[in-house]
C-alpha atoms as a PDB file:
ATOM      1  CA  MET A   1     107.577  91.027 112.807  1.00  0.00           C
ATOM      2  CA  ALA A   2     109.652  89.699 116.169  1.00  0.00           C
ATOM      3  CA  GLU A   3     107.871  91.104 119.314  1.00  0.00           C
ATOM      4  CA  GLN A   4     111.071  92.171 120.118  1.00  0.00           C
ATOM      5  CA  PRO A   5     110.878  95.857 121.220  1.00  0.00           C
ATOM      6  CA  TYR A   6     113.942  98.464 119.025  1.00  0.00           C
ATOM      7  CA  ALA A   7     114.794  95.080 117.021  1.00  0.00           C
ATOM      8  CA  SER A   8     114.787  96.555 113.523  1.00  0.00           C
ATOM      9  CA  THR A   9     113.907  94.178 110.326  1.00  0.00           C
ATOM     10  CA  GLY A  10     113.015  95.199 106.697  1.00  0.00           C
ATOM     11  CA  LEU A  11     109.747  95.573 105.502  1.00  0.00           C
ATOM     12  CA  THR A  12     110.450  95.893 101.883  1.00  0.00           C
ATOM     13  CA  ILE A  13     112.808  93.889  99.873  1.00  0.00           C
ATOM     14  CA  PRO A  14     115.672  95.905  99.439  1.00  0.00           C
ATOM     15  CA  GLY A  15     115.799  98.755  96.522  1.00  0.00           C
ATOM     16  CA  GLY A  16     112.166  98.909  95.957  1.00  0.00           C
ATOM     17  CA  PHE A  17     112.376 102.213  96.069  1.00  0.00           C
ATOM     18  CA  THR A  18     115.033 104.920  94.952  1.00  0.00           C
ATOM     19  CA  ALA A  19     117.914 106.521  97.381  1.00  0.00           C
ATOM     20  CA  GLY A  20     115.034 109.784  96.978  1.00  0.00           C
ATOM     21  CA  ILE A  21     113.120 107.071  99.813  1.00  0.00           C
ATOM     22  CA  GLU A  22     111.659 109.270 102.338  1.00  0.00           C
ATOM     23  CA  GLY A  23     108.265 110.088 103.478  1.00  0.00           C
ATOM     24  CA  PRO A  24     107.151 108.091 105.377  1.00  0.00           C
ATOM     25  CA  ALA A  25     103.396 108.401 106.859  1.00  0.00           C
ATOM     26  CA  CYS A  26     100.450 105.978 107.542  1.00  0.00           C
ATOM     27  CA  ASP A  27      96.639 106.172 106.425  1.00  0.00           C
ATOM     28  CA  ARG A  28      93.919 104.891 108.796  1.00  0.00           C
ATOM     29  CA  ASP A  29      94.391 101.771 108.086  1.00  0.00           C
ATOM     30  CA  GLY A  30      98.135 101.087 108.555  1.00  0.00           C
ATOM     31  CA  ASN A  31      99.827 101.599 104.404  1.00  0.00           C
ATOM     32  CA  ILE A  32     102.549 103.021 104.494  1.00  0.00           C
ATOM     33  CA  TYR A  33     103.437 105.865 101.422  1.00  0.00           C
ATOM     34  CA  ALA A  34     107.139 106.816 100.790  1.00  0.00           C
ATOM     35  CA  VAL A  35     108.512 108.298  97.880  1.00  0.00           C
ATOM     36  CA  ASN A  36     109.699 107.038  94.872  1.00  0.00           C
ATOM     37  CA  TYR A  37     108.771 103.653  94.611  1.00  0.00           C
ATOM     38  CA  LEU A  38     110.962 102.319  91.589  1.00  0.00           C
ATOM     39  CA  ARG A  39     111.208 105.557  89.587  1.00  0.00           C
ATOM     40  CA  GLN A  40     111.789 109.270  91.274  1.00  0.00           C
ATOM     41  CA  GLY A  41     108.498 111.435  91.912  1.00  0.00           C
ATOM     42  CA  THR A  42     105.870 108.565  92.634  1.00  0.00           C
ATOM     43  CA  ILE A  43     104.197 107.786  95.790  1.00  0.00           C
ATOM     44  CA  GLY A  44     104.586 104.508  97.175  1.00  0.00           C
ATOM     45  CA  ARG A  45     102.017 102.869  98.764  1.00  0.00           C
ATOM     46  CA  VAL A  46     103.036  99.823 101.591  1.00  0.00           C
ATOM     47  CA  THR A  47     100.656  97.906 102.812  1.00  0.00           C
ATOM     48  CA  PRO A  48     101.557  96.521 107.140  1.00  0.00           C
ATOM     49  CA  GLY A  49     102.519  92.348 105.233  1.00  0.00           C
ATOM     50  CA  GLY A  50     104.715  94.677 102.870  1.00  0.00           C
ATOM     51  CA  GLN A  51     103.520  94.759  99.629  1.00  0.00           C
ATOM     52  CA  CYS A  52     103.993  97.529  97.649  1.00  0.00           C
ATOM     53  CA  GLU A  53     102.404  99.821  94.536  1.00  0.00           C
ATOM     54  CA  VAL A  54     102.429 103.211  92.998  1.00  0.00           C
ATOM     55  CA  PHE A  55     100.059 105.361  94.409  1.00  0.00           C
ATOM     56  CA  LEU A  56     100.305 108.024  92.429  1.00  0.00           C
ATOM     57  CA  GLN A  57     103.214 109.236  90.360  1.00  0.00           C
ATOM     58  CA  LEU A  58     103.492 113.181  90.791  1.00  0.00           C
ATOM     59  CA  PRO A  59     103.138 116.023  87.647  1.00  0.00           C
ATOM     60  CA  PRO A  60     106.603 116.245  85.952  1.00  0.00           C
ATOM     61  CA  GLY A  61     109.109 118.315  87.361  1.00  0.00           C
ATOM     62  CA  SER A  62     108.027 117.123  90.862  1.00  0.00           C
ATOM     63  CA  ILE A  63     109.855 115.300  93.042  1.00  0.00           C
ATOM     64  CA  GLY A  64     108.523 114.519  96.671  1.00  0.00           C
ATOM     65  CA  ASN A  65     110.684 114.636  99.841  1.00  0.00           C
ATOM     66  CA  GLY A  66     108.304 114.542 103.637  1.00  0.00           C
ATOM     67  CA  ILE A  67     104.579 113.034 103.773  1.00  0.00           C
ATOM     68  CA  ARG A  68     101.823 114.175 106.592  1.00  0.00           C
ATOM     69  CA  PHE A  69      98.803 113.108 107.014  1.00  0.00           C
ATOM     70  CA  SER A  70      96.025 115.215 107.946  1.00  0.00           C
ATOM     71  CA  ALA A  71      93.900 113.976 111.429  1.00  0.00           C
ATOM     72  CA  ALA A  72      90.847 114.865 108.125  1.00  0.00           C
ATOM     73  CA  GLY A  73      92.903 112.301 106.490  1.00  0.00           C
ATOM     74  CA  GLU A  74      94.398 114.480 103.546  1.00  0.00           C
ATOM     75  CA  MET A  75      98.509 113.645 103.175  1.00  0.00           C
ATOM     76  CA  TYR A  76     100.584 116.566 102.129  1.00  0.00           C
ATOM     77  CA  ILE A  77     103.966 116.314  99.973  1.00  0.00           C
ATOM     78  CA  ALA A  78     106.849 118.552  99.632  1.00  0.00           C
ATOM     79  CA  ASP A  79     108.107 118.926  97.011  1.00  0.00           C
ATOM     80  CA  TYR A  80     111.294 119.758  96.729  1.00  0.00           C
ATOM     81  CA  VAL A  81     111.669 120.355  92.984  1.00  0.00           C
ATOM     82  CA  GLY A  82     109.320 122.033  92.744  1.00  0.00           C
ATOM     83  CA  HIS A  83     109.248 124.956  95.900  1.00  0.00           C
ATOM     84  CA  ALA A  84     105.389 123.813  96.349  1.00  0.00           C
ATOM     85  CA  ILE A  85     103.403 121.397  98.566  1.00  0.00           C
ATOM     86  CA  TYR A  86     100.822 118.914  97.395  1.00  0.00           C
ATOM     87  CA  ARG A  87      97.434 117.981  99.473  1.00  0.00           C
ATOM     88  CA  VAL A  88      96.245 114.731  97.872  1.00  0.00           C
ATOM     89  CA  ALA A  89      92.216 114.510  99.536  1.00  0.00           C
ATOM     90  CA  ALA A  90      91.032 111.705 101.833  1.00  0.00           C
ATOM     91  CA  GLY A  91      90.199 108.388  98.888  1.00  0.00           C
ATOM     92  CA  THR A  92      91.421 110.224  95.794  1.00  0.00           C
ATOM     93  CA  ARG A  93      94.817 109.999  94.021  1.00  0.00           C
ATOM     94  CA  GLU A  94      94.869 113.619  93.132  1.00  0.00           C
ATOM     95  CA  PRO A  95      97.699 115.626  94.154  1.00  0.00           C
ATOM     96  CA  GLU A  96      96.876 119.729  93.978  1.00  0.00           C
ATOM     97  CA  VAL A  97      98.979 122.416  94.709  1.00  0.00           C
ATOM     98  CA  TYR A  98      98.281 123.854  98.017  1.00  0.00           C
ATOM     99  CA  ALA A  99     101.131 126.260  98.178  1.00  0.00           C
ATOM    100  CA  ARG A 100     103.509 127.109  96.129  1.00  0.00           C
ATOM    101  CA  ASP A 101     106.448 129.653  96.844  1.00  0.00           C
ATOM    102  CA  GLN A 102     109.932 131.011  94.879  1.00  0.00           C
ATOM    103  CA  ARG A 103     111.432 131.906  97.726  1.00  0.00           C
ATOM    104  CA  LEU A 104     111.928 128.439  99.132  1.00  0.00           C
ATOM    105  CA  ASN A 105     115.190 126.376  98.523  1.00  0.00           C
ATOM    106  CA  GLN A 106     113.256 123.439  98.885  1.00  0.00           C
ATOM    107  CA  PRO A 107     110.744 122.661 100.888  1.00  0.00           C
ATOM    108  CA  ASN A 108     112.182 119.472 102.671  1.00  0.00           C
ATOM    109  CA  ASP A 109     110.223 117.954 106.086  1.00  0.00           C
ATOM    110  CA  ILE A 110     107.180 118.960 107.461  1.00  0.00           C
ATOM    111  CA  ALA A 111     105.349 118.477 109.854  1.00  0.00           C
ATOM    112  CA  ILE A 112     101.801 119.436 110.377  1.00  0.00           C
ATOM    113  CA  ASP A 113      99.460 120.268 113.932  1.00  0.00           C
ATOM    114  CA  ARG A 114      96.263 119.072 115.371  1.00  0.00           C
ATOM    115  CA  ALA A 115      94.314 122.752 113.709  1.00  0.00           C
ATOM    116  CA  GLY A 116      96.388 122.107 110.327  1.00  0.00           C
ATOM    117  CA  TYR A 117      99.372 123.926 110.019  1.00  0.00           C
ATOM    118  CA  LEU A 118     102.096 123.028 108.556  1.00  0.00           C
ATOM    119  CA  TYR A 119     105.801 123.929 109.318  1.00  0.00           C
ATOM    120  CA  ALA A 120     108.336 123.001 106.218  1.00  0.00           C
ATOM    121  CA  SER A 121     111.917 122.827 107.033  1.00  0.00           C
ATOM    122  CA  ASP A 122     113.791 124.710 104.045  1.00  0.00           C
ATOM    123  CA  PRO A 123     117.935 123.316 103.442  1.00  0.00           C
ATOM    124  CA  ASP A 124     120.378 125.659 101.115  1.00  0.00           C
ATOM    125  CA  TRP A 125     122.728 122.602 101.185  1.00  0.00           C
ATOM    126  CA  SER A 126     125.445 124.885  98.970  1.00  0.00           C
ATOM    127  CA  ALA A 127     125.872 127.443 101.381  1.00  0.00           C
ATOM    128  CA  GLY A 128     124.728 125.622 104.666  1.00  0.00           C
ATOM    129  CA  GLY A 129     121.843 127.277 105.485  1.00  0.00           C
ATOM    130  CA  GLY A 130     118.170 126.981 106.143  1.00  0.00           C
ATOM    131  CA  GLN A 131     114.781 128.500 106.751  1.00  0.00           C
ATOM    132  CA  ILE A 132     111.930 127.481 108.665  1.00  0.00           C
ATOM    133  CA  TRP A 133     107.981 128.337 107.657  1.00  0.00           C
ATOM    134  CA  ARG A 134     104.264 128.315 108.015  1.00  0.00           C
ATOM    135  CA  VAL A 135     101.329 126.841 106.033  1.00  0.00           C
ATOM    136  CA  GLY A 136      98.063 127.827 107.494  1.00  0.00           C
ATOM    137  CA  PRO A 137      94.485 127.856 106.130  1.00  0.00           C
ATOM    138  CA  GLU A 138      95.094 131.017 103.711  1.00  0.00           C
ATOM    139  CA  ARG A 139      97.598 128.368 101.719  1.00  0.00           C
ATOM    140  CA  ARG A 140     100.766 130.650 101.505  1.00  0.00           C
ATOM    141  CA  PHE A 141     103.931 129.778 103.188  1.00  0.00           C
ATOM    142  CA  GLU A 142     105.172 131.981 105.928  1.00  0.00           C
ATOM    143  CA  LEU A 143     108.637 132.815 106.909  1.00  0.00           C
ATOM    144  CA  LEU A 144     109.024 131.767 110.630  1.00  0.00           C
ATOM    145  CA  GLU A 145     113.298 131.942 111.074  1.00  0.00           C
ATOM    146  CA  GLY A 146     115.771 132.079 108.994  1.00  0.00           C
ATOM    147  CA  ALA A 147     119.566 132.666 108.455  1.00  0.00           C
ATOM    148  CA  MET A 148     120.064 128.907 110.711  1.00  0.00           C
ATOM    149  CA  GLY A 149     122.162 126.205 109.134  1.00  0.00           C
ATOM    150  CA  THR A 150     120.997 123.173 107.281  1.00  0.00           C
ATOM    151  CA  THR A 151     117.408 122.616 108.225  1.00  0.00           C
ATOM    152  CA  ASN A 152     116.073 119.362 107.924  1.00  0.00           C
ATOM    153  CA  GLY A 153     114.022 117.792 110.620  1.00  0.00           C
ATOM    154  CA  ILE A 154     111.283 119.018 112.044  1.00  0.00           C
ATOM    155  CA  GLU A 155     108.373 117.909 113.918  1.00  0.00           C
ATOM    156  CA  VAL A 156     105.590 119.044 116.120  1.00  0.00           C
ATOM    157  CA  GLY A 157     105.711 117.924 119.980  1.00  0.00           C
ATOM    158  CA  PRO A 158     102.580 115.941 121.555  1.00  0.00           C
ATOM    159  CA  ASP A 159     101.682 118.679 123.607  1.00  0.00           C
ATOM    160  CA  GLU A 160     101.270 120.925 120.745  1.00  0.00           C
ATOM    161  CA  GLN A 161     103.357 123.474 122.437  1.00  0.00           C
ATOM    162  CA  THR A 162     106.590 122.611 120.616  1.00  0.00           C
ATOM    163  CA  LEU A 163     107.772 122.506 117.345  1.00  0.00           C
ATOM    164  CA  TYR A 164     111.807 120.819 117.484  1.00  0.00           C
ATOM    165  CA  VAL A 165     113.707 121.397 114.182  1.00  0.00           C
ATOM    166  CA  ASN A 166     116.915 119.509 113.241  1.00  0.00           C
ATOM    167  CA  GLU A 167     120.348 120.591 111.268  1.00  0.00           C
ATOM    168  CA  THR A 168     121.893 118.141 109.449  1.00  0.00           C
ATOM    169  CA  MET A 169     125.055 119.501 109.296  1.00  0.00           C
ATOM    170  CA  GLN A 170     124.838 120.918 112.403  1.00  0.00           C
ATOM    171  CA  ARG A 171     124.197 118.449 114.293  1.00  0.00           C
ATOM    172  CA  ARG A 172     121.847 120.341 116.147  1.00  0.00           C
ATOM    173  CA  ILE A 173     118.432 119.675 117.444  1.00  0.00           C
ATOM    174  CA  TRP A 174     116.370 123.177 119.017  1.00  0.00           C
ATOM    175  CA  SER A 175     113.015 123.799 120.433  1.00  0.00           C
ATOM    176  CA  TYR A 176     110.453 126.298 120.250  1.00  0.00           C
ATOM    177  CA  ASP A 177     107.544 127.225 121.863  1.00  0.00           C
ATOM    178  CA  LEU A 178     104.638 126.905 119.983  1.00  0.00           C
ATOM    179  CA  THR A 179     101.482 129.521 119.799  1.00  0.00           C
ATOM    180  CA  PRO A 180      97.810 129.130 118.701  1.00  0.00           C
ATOM    181  CA  GLY A 181      97.992 130.048 115.188  1.00  0.00           C
ATOM    182  CA  GLY A 182     101.481 128.151 113.933  1.00  0.00           C
ATOM    183  CA  ARG A 183     103.631 131.241 115.962  1.00  0.00           C
ATOM    184  CA  ILE A 184     106.936 130.042 117.226  1.00  0.00           C
ATOM    185  CA  ASP A 185     109.485 132.017 120.743  1.00  0.00           C
ATOM    186  CA  ASN A 186     111.839 131.378 123.061  1.00  0.00           C
ATOM    187  CA  LYS A 187     113.971 129.365 120.846  1.00  0.00           C
ATOM    188  CA  ARG A 188     116.566 126.710 123.413  1.00  0.00           C
ATOM    189  CA  LEU A 189     119.158 124.360 122.276  1.00  0.00           C
ATOM    190  CA  PHE A 190     117.738 120.963 122.786  1.00  0.00           C
ATOM    191  CA  ALA A 191     120.407 118.317 121.973  1.00  0.00           C
ATOM    192  CA  ALA A 192     123.731 118.532 119.890  1.00  0.00           C
ATOM    193  CA  PHE A 193     125.391 115.861 118.438  1.00  0.00           C
ATOM    194  CA  SER A 194     129.166 114.981 117.876  1.00  0.00           C
ATOM    195  CA  ASP A 195     129.288 113.061 114.784  1.00  0.00           C
ATOM    196  CA  HIS A 196     127.200 111.785 111.895  1.00  0.00           C
ATOM    197  CA  MET A 197     124.041 113.855 110.104  1.00  0.00           C
ATOM    198  CA  LEU A 198     120.328 114.177 111.297  1.00  0.00           C
ATOM    199  CA  ASP A 199     117.229 113.718 109.142  1.00  0.00           C
ATOM    200  CA  GLY A 200     113.840 113.181 109.846  1.00  0.00           C
ATOM    201  CA  MET A 201     112.331 112.821 113.858  1.00  0.00           C
ATOM    202  CA  ARG A 202     109.150 111.807 115.554  1.00  0.00           C
ATOM    203  CA  CYS A 203     107.323 112.259 118.541  1.00  0.00           C
ATOM    204  CA  ASP A 204     105.742 109.636 120.700  1.00  0.00           C
ATOM    205  CA  ILE A 205     103.034 110.309 122.909  1.00  0.00           C
ATOM    206  CA  ALA A 206     105.153 110.677 125.797  1.00  0.00           C
ATOM    207  CA  GLY A 207     106.883 113.353 124.382  1.00  0.00           C
ATOM    208  CA  ASN A 208     110.598 110.965 123.614  1.00  0.00           C
ATOM    209  CA  LEU A 209     111.807 112.073 119.946  1.00  0.00           C
ATOM    210  CA  TYR A 210     113.119 109.792 117.287  1.00  0.00           C
ATOM    211  CA  VAL A 211     115.754 111.189 115.251  1.00  0.00           C
ATOM    212  CA  THR A 212     117.194 109.717 112.098  1.00  0.00           C
ATOM    213  CA  ARG A 213     121.293 109.579 112.055  1.00  0.00           C
ATOM    214  CA  TYR A 214     122.053 109.382 108.692  1.00  0.00           C
ATOM    215  CA  GLY A 215     125.384 107.332 107.834  1.00  0.00           C
ATOM    216  CA  LYS A 216     125.521 106.366 111.520  1.00  0.00           C
ATOM    217  CA  GLY A 217     122.590 103.814 110.663  1.00  0.00           C
ATOM    218  CA  THR A 218     120.739 104.226 113.771  1.00  0.00           C
ATOM    219  CA  VAL A 219     117.468 105.797 115.276  1.00  0.00           C
ATOM    220  CA  ALA A 220     118.467 108.393 118.539  1.00  0.00           C
ATOM    221  CA  CYS A 221     115.515 107.827 120.538  1.00  0.00           C
ATOM    222  CA  LEU A 222     115.253 111.112 123.080  1.00  0.00           C
ATOM    223  CA  SER A 223     113.677 112.254 126.457  1.00  0.00           C
ATOM    224  CA  PRO A 224     111.662 115.213 126.787  1.00  0.00           C
ATOM    225  CA  GLN A 225     115.185 116.907 128.111  1.00  0.00           C
ATOM    226  CA  GLY A 226     116.730 116.278 125.384  1.00  0.00           C
ATOM    227  CA  GLU A 227     119.169 112.906 126.665  1.00  0.00           C
ATOM    228  CA  THR A 228     119.915 110.414 124.287  1.00  0.00           C
ATOM    229  CA  VAL A 229     117.293 107.627 125.651  1.00  0.00           C
ATOM    230  CA  ARG A 230     119.111 104.735 123.556  1.00  0.00           C
ATOM    231  CA  GLU A 231     120.137 104.350 119.896  1.00  0.00           C
ATOM    232  CA  ILE A 232     118.214 101.390 117.526  1.00  0.00           C
ATOM    233  CA  ALA A 233     120.412  99.598 114.571  1.00  0.00           C
ATOM    234  CA  LEU A 234     119.420  99.093 111.511  1.00  0.00           C
ATOM    235  CA  HIS A 235     120.358  97.264 108.653  1.00  0.00           C
ATOM    236  CA  GLY A 236     121.266 100.446 106.507  1.00  0.00           C
ATOM    237  CA  ARG A 237     123.267 103.282 107.038  1.00  0.00           C
ATOM    238  CA  ASN A 238     121.689 105.650 105.558  1.00  0.00           C
ATOM    239  CA  PRO A 239     117.986 106.465 107.768  1.00  0.00           C
ATOM    240  CA  THR A 240     115.898 109.309 106.099  1.00  0.00           C
ATOM    241  CA  ASN A 241     112.799 109.552 108.379  1.00  0.00           C
ATOM    242  CA  LEU A 242     110.906 107.315 110.202  1.00  0.00           C
ATOM    243  CA  THR A 243     106.713 107.076 111.336  1.00  0.00           C
ATOM    244  CA  PHE A 244     104.757 105.555 113.108  1.00  0.00           C
ATOM    245  CA  GLY A 245     102.005 102.806 112.849  1.00  0.00           C
ATOM    246  CA  GLY A 246     100.059  99.864 112.626  1.00  0.00           C
ATOM    247  CA  LEU A 247      97.162  98.440 115.330  1.00  0.00           C
ATOM    248  CA  ASP A 248      98.596 100.499 118.120  1.00  0.00           C
ATOM    249  CA  GLY A 249     101.035 102.671 117.143  1.00  0.00           C
ATOM    250  CA  ARG A 250     103.365 101.072 118.373  1.00  0.00           C
ATOM    251  CA  THR A 251     105.814  99.964 114.670  1.00  0.00           C
ATOM    252  CA  CYS A 252     107.954 102.295 113.581  1.00  0.00           C
ATOM    253  CA  TYR A 253     108.924 103.007 110.061  1.00  0.00           C
ATOM    254  CA  VAL A 254     112.242 103.775 108.930  1.00  0.00           C
ATOM    255  CA  THR A 255     113.374 104.701 105.136  1.00  0.00           C
ATOM    256  CA  VAL A 256     116.882 103.969 104.826  1.00  0.00           C
ATOM    257  CA  ALA A 257     118.561 105.828 101.537  1.00  0.00           C
ATOM    258  CA  ASP A 258     121.351 102.916 100.959  1.00  0.00           C
ATOM    259  CA  THR A 259     119.284  99.866 100.583  1.00  0.00           C
ATOM    260  CA  GLY A 260     115.863 101.758  99.074  1.00  0.00           C
ATOM    261  CA  GLN A 261     114.442 100.239 101.616  1.00  0.00           C
ATOM    262  CA  ILE A 262     111.594 100.244 104.937  1.00  0.00           C
ATOM    263  CA  GLU A 263     112.927  99.104 107.956  1.00  0.00           C
ATOM    264  CA  GLN A 264     110.752  98.521 110.834  1.00  0.00           C
ATOM    265  CA  PHE A 265     110.841  98.231 114.974  1.00  0.00           C
ATOM    266  CA  ARG A 266     108.614  97.652 117.880  1.00  0.00           C
ATOM    267  CA  THR A 267     108.810 100.735 120.491  1.00  0.00           C
ATOM    268  CA  GLU A 268     107.282 100.344 123.824  1.00  0.00           C
ATOM    269  CA  ILE A 269     104.651 103.705 123.317  1.00  0.00           C
ATOM    270  CA  PRO A 270     103.207 104.577 120.666  1.00  0.00           C
ATOM    271  CA  GLY A 271     103.926 107.986 118.296  1.00  0.00           C
ATOM    272  CA  ARG A 272     102.047 111.262 117.753  1.00  0.00           C
ATOM    273  CA  CYS A 273     101.654 111.420 114.443  1.00  0.00           C
ATOM    274  CA  TRP A 274      98.989 107.695 114.625  1.00  0.00           C
ATOM    275  CA  SER A 275      96.801 109.379 117.479  1.00  0.00           C
ATOM    276  CA  LEU A 276      96.246 111.806 115.161  1.00  0.00           C
ATOM    277  CA  TRP A 277      93.968 109.778 113.988  1.00  0.00           C
ATOM    278  CA  ARG A 278      92.831 108.022 117.450  1.00  0.00           C
ATOM    279  CA  ALA A 279      91.152 111.603 117.594  1.00  0.00           C
ATOM    280  CA  THR A 280      88.867 111.822 115.255  1.00  0.00           C
ATOM    281  CA  ARG A 281      87.497 107.955 115.036  1.00  0.00           C
END
């Protein structure tokens, strides 16, 4: 791929994934994982060169959304139909229920910190509301905040002291102080947009926040102060989420619903999710 920063190209062929393409996340070897390859309910694995395969099939009735890897190499998958998060142990292809709770509308996107605490957005699309949940080592969902807008993208900052959550329909991004043990406090408005919707988010190691702009066909890069630094144009109109990978952590992979493919572009700063692997080498 071209080394020109922020110039997006297609990694996979259009239509290889369904319109439910989401995720994505990279393993230690640089493979990219995204949900709903070929059909709903699968997890697809894509090599850095763009070769695709079905990595695993979720149990009947389950459909994945957000994916994250822990520093130890465990894969976590949000099952928005089954009100659950699955865990896949490193080196296996066997999903097990890590946590399930019928109180959730749907675990949508998930974030993870270095200690292994998971944070899940939980939108209620019909009512325009949402919640935030935490899952700790006890493997239970704990409500952190309710009565929000349509919570969607969620991310932990590189200092492990900030949690970012956006609201798709309200076009707002909130930030919270994040304490050891996964508690949140001091909610404040980080950024707001006047048009189009927000979806998945990831930070780089400098604290810049990359946000997919569903319907606009861009990824917005926000500074740690919430100011828009740039917008990266994509080929598709409906990006759903993104992650960082590659040998140096500076390749950003974006899942795009209307084209059913993964796009990629180069950045100048490595991603935080990629940096989790470096601490365990």
